[in-house]
Structures are given as structure tokens and as C-alpha cells.
Protein backbone atom coordinates (compact mmCIF):
# COMPACT_ATOMS: atom_id res chain seq x y z
CA MET A 1 -97.00 -26.78 21.04
CA VAL A 2 -93.32 -27.64 20.77
CA THR A 3 -92.08 -31.13 19.86
CA LEU A 4 -88.63 -32.68 19.55
CA ARG A 5 -87.53 -34.70 16.74
CA ARG A 6 -84.20 -36.11 15.37
CA ALA A 7 -82.71 -33.65 12.91
CA THR A 8 -82.11 -34.68 9.31
CA ALA A 9 -79.51 -33.45 6.78
CA ASP A 10 -82.41 -31.29 5.34
CA ASP A 11 -82.22 -29.20 8.61
CA ALA A 12 -78.57 -28.23 8.07
CA LYS A 13 -79.41 -24.78 6.72
CA ARG A 14 -81.95 -23.92 9.38
CA LEU A 15 -79.60 -24.91 12.17
CA THR A 16 -76.71 -23.07 10.58
CA ARG A 17 -78.95 -19.88 10.57
CA ILE A 18 -79.71 -20.32 14.19
CA VAL A 19 -75.97 -20.53 15.05
CA ARG A 20 -74.89 -17.57 12.85
CA ARG A 21 -77.73 -15.19 13.86
CA SER A 22 -77.40 -15.96 17.66
CA GLY A 23 -77.40 -12.61 19.58
CA ALA A 24 -75.06 -14.22 22.08
CA TYR A 25 -72.24 -14.23 19.58
CA ARG A 26 -72.13 -10.63 18.46
CA GLY A 27 -69.33 -8.32 19.28
CA ASP A 28 -66.13 -9.98 20.64
CA TYR A 29 -67.71 -13.41 20.36
CA ALA A 30 -68.55 -13.14 16.61
CA ALA A 31 -65.36 -14.89 15.41
CA MET A 32 -66.61 -18.08 16.99
CA VAL A 33 -69.63 -18.45 14.75
CA ASP A 34 -68.20 -16.46 11.72
CA GLY A 35 -68.52 -18.95 8.67
CA TYR A 36 -69.76 -21.71 10.99
CA GLN A 37 -71.88 -24.46 9.32
CA VAL A 38 -73.87 -27.29 10.73
CA GLY A 39 -73.39 -29.80 8.01
CA GLY A 40 -75.68 -32.58 6.83
CA SER A 41 -73.03 -35.27 7.46
CA TYR A 42 -72.48 -34.00 11.00
CA ILE A 43 -76.26 -34.22 11.60
CA GLU A 44 -76.41 -37.80 10.15
CA HIS A 45 -73.32 -38.94 12.18
CA HIS A 46 -74.37 -37.54 15.67
CA PRO A 47 -77.64 -37.35 17.73
CA VAL A 48 -78.87 -33.98 16.83
CA TYR A 49 -82.35 -33.05 17.91
CA VAL A 50 -84.57 -30.03 17.11
CA ALA A 51 -87.36 -28.38 18.94
CA VAL A 52 -90.01 -27.49 16.55
CA GLU A 53 -93.09 -25.26 16.87
CA GLY A 54 -96.03 -27.20 15.71
CA GLY A 55 -94.03 -30.42 14.89
CA GLY A 56 -95.54 -31.52 11.61
CA ASP A 57 -98.12 -34.22 11.01
CA GLY A 58 -96.21 -37.20 12.61
CA ASP A 59 -95.47 -38.67 9.07
CA GLY A 60 -91.95 -37.26 8.80
CA ASP A 61 -93.26 -33.82 7.81
CA VAL A 62 -90.97 -31.21 9.11
CA ASP A 63 -93.47 -28.31 9.15
CA GLY A 64 -93.02 -25.84 11.81
CA LYS A 65 -90.33 -23.46 12.72
CA VAL A 66 -87.16 -24.82 14.26
CA LEU A 67 -86.82 -23.09 17.61
CA GLY A 68 -83.53 -24.68 18.89
CA PHE A 69 -81.37 -27.73 18.72
CA TYR A 70 -78.54 -29.62 20.42
CA ALA A 71 -75.93 -32.05 19.26
CA LEU A 72 -74.56 -34.78 21.52
CA ILE A 73 -71.25 -36.26 20.73
CA LEU A 74 -71.55 -39.91 22.06
CA ASP A 75 -67.91 -40.96 21.58
CA ASP A 76 -66.70 -37.94 23.64
CA ALA A 77 -69.68 -37.67 25.91
CA GLU A 78 -69.98 -34.05 25.16
CA LEU A 79 -72.84 -31.59 24.39
CA ASP A 80 -71.18 -30.14 21.23
CA LEU A 81 -73.87 -27.62 20.17
CA ALA A 82 -76.96 -26.23 21.99
CA PHE A 83 -78.74 -23.09 20.47
CA VAL A 84 -82.12 -21.60 20.84
CA ALA A 85 -83.26 -18.96 18.37
CA ASP A 86 -83.11 -15.58 19.81
CA GLU A 87 -86.96 -15.04 19.49
CA ALA A 88 -87.59 -18.31 21.32
CA GLN A 89 -85.35 -17.63 24.38
CA GLY A 90 -87.05 -17.53 27.78
CA LEU A 91 -89.82 -19.92 26.69
CA GLY A 92 -88.30 -23.09 28.23
CA ILE A 93 -86.88 -24.45 24.99
CA GLY A 94 -83.36 -24.69 26.28
CA ARG A 95 -84.48 -26.54 29.34
CA LEU A 96 -86.54 -28.90 27.26
CA LEU A 97 -83.55 -29.56 25.03
CA VAL A 98 -81.22 -30.23 28.02
CA GLU A 99 -83.69 -32.54 29.66
CA HIS A 100 -83.98 -34.49 26.42
CA MET A 101 -80.25 -34.49 26.02
CA ILE A 102 -79.81 -36.04 29.51
CA GLN A 103 -82.37 -38.76 28.71
CA GLU A 104 -80.48 -39.57 25.48
CA ALA A 105 -77.14 -39.62 27.29
CA ARG A 106 -78.71 -41.91 29.94
CA THR A 107 -80.16 -44.33 27.18
CA ALA A 108 -76.67 -44.40 25.55
CA GLY A 109 -75.11 -45.46 28.83
CA LEU A 110 -73.12 -42.35 29.52
CA THR A 111 -72.48 -41.39 33.13
CA SER A 112 -71.63 -37.71 32.45
CA VAL A 113 -71.63 -35.21 29.62
CA LYS A 114 -69.06 -32.51 29.21
CA VAL A 115 -70.07 -28.94 28.21
CA VAL A 116 -67.51 -26.28 27.05
CA SER A 117 -69.73 -23.30 27.35
CA HIS A 118 -69.93 -19.96 25.70
CA PRO A 119 -69.22 -17.67 28.72
CA PRO A 120 -72.55 -15.92 28.77
CA SER A 121 -74.32 -19.31 28.77
CA GLU A 122 -72.67 -20.67 31.85
CA ASP A 123 -75.52 -19.59 34.17
CA PHE A 124 -78.04 -21.36 32.07
CA TYR A 125 -76.05 -24.62 32.31
CA LEU A 126 -75.70 -24.24 36.09
CA ARG A 127 -79.43 -23.59 36.48
CA THR A 128 -80.20 -26.81 34.47
CA GLY A 129 -77.99 -28.97 36.73
CA ALA A 130 -74.48 -28.86 35.32
CA ARG A 131 -71.49 -28.29 37.59
CA ARG A 132 -68.50 -26.32 36.85
CA THR A 133 -65.36 -28.55 36.50
CA GLY A 134 -62.71 -26.10 35.02
CA THR A 135 -61.88 -23.72 32.34
CA VAL A 136 -60.71 -24.30 28.80
CA PRO A 137 -57.92 -21.70 27.78
CA PRO A 138 -58.13 -19.66 24.61
CA SER A 139 -57.02 -21.31 21.43
CA GLY A 140 -57.23 -20.67 17.66
CA ARG A 141 -59.89 -18.01 16.77
CA ILE A 142 -61.25 -18.12 20.30
CA HIS A 143 -59.43 -15.53 22.32
CA TRP A 144 -61.23 -16.00 25.64
CA ALA A 145 -61.43 -18.68 28.31
CA ARG A 146 -64.43 -20.92 28.31
CA PRO A 147 -66.12 -22.50 31.27
CA GLU A 148 -66.08 -26.32 31.30
CA LEU A 149 -69.08 -27.92 32.95
CA ARG A 150 -70.49 -31.54 33.39
CA TYR A 151 -73.78 -32.98 33.72
CA ASP A 152 -73.79 -36.06 35.90
CA ILE A 153 -76.19 -38.59 34.43
CA ALA A 154 -77.99 -40.69 37.09
CA ALA A 155 -79.09 -44.13 36.01
CA ASP A 156 -82.85 -44.65 35.66
CA ALA A 157 -84.29 -45.79 38.92
CA ALA A 158 -85.56 -49.30 38.74
């Protein structure tokens, strides 16, 4: 059983481990996550949700392995982070996280959510309903162009 819950600052180390250990960021892409940290203040300031195996006891217990997470930046209407642990890929966790993100965006009154994708992840975003809107050129430590995509958020049907 997989449940979703709001992340807490106590999850920071687990989320950082998922980012840094991601097989998608080996080789040429390693510079993007080298030294990256998901901080407790970031988690407290933004809607960050985790997919947890088991899900705890419903009383705030965070038992269970964190399988993936996402962070939605409401002010910029952007999916800032989205990761699924390597061992949990292919199980529908990413799709579950995206569906939840879209509902959270809708609840927040957003009409679209931007994604600047890791190039190998573009197909996943397209399969889950995003559309390609452009390309972000290389900058800083990132020496490759990145696909820019957008999820259009439909209003709830009345």
C-alpha cells in the first residue's frame, strides 16, 4: 500500500538521499545533483508531498519507506522537484505523484504548472499529460538544454 502525505522537515535527509542517489543523474548529469540538499526550511515553505510505502498509523507516524516525492512552487506555478527512488520506478509512483500535484495545483487556483525537465524524464511528463512549450538553455553547472513543459490544469467540473 502506498499513501501520500505532506512532507515535514524531518524528511529532509530522506528526500536528499533520493535526489543524490537517482540513477538518472549519473554520468554527464551528475553535476546537477552533486551536493544538492532538500532543506527542512524548503519543505516547510512549499507544498512537498511524499509517497510512502505503508504510510504509518495515521497519527502522524512516518513509518514506511519514502518511495518518491514532489515539490510544487505555488508562487511560480512550477513543479520544482519530482523524484521516484530507483527501486520504486515502474510501479506507478510517479503517475500518482503527478496526479496529486495536479489536484493540489487546482485547489490552489493555478491554471497551469511549468516543468523544467531533466532531459531523460521528458517522455514521462508527456505521458502524464504535460505538453512541450520550449527549451531552457544551459546555464551555470548545467551544460545541457532542458525541455520546458506545462501541465494545463482544468477547473473541477461542477
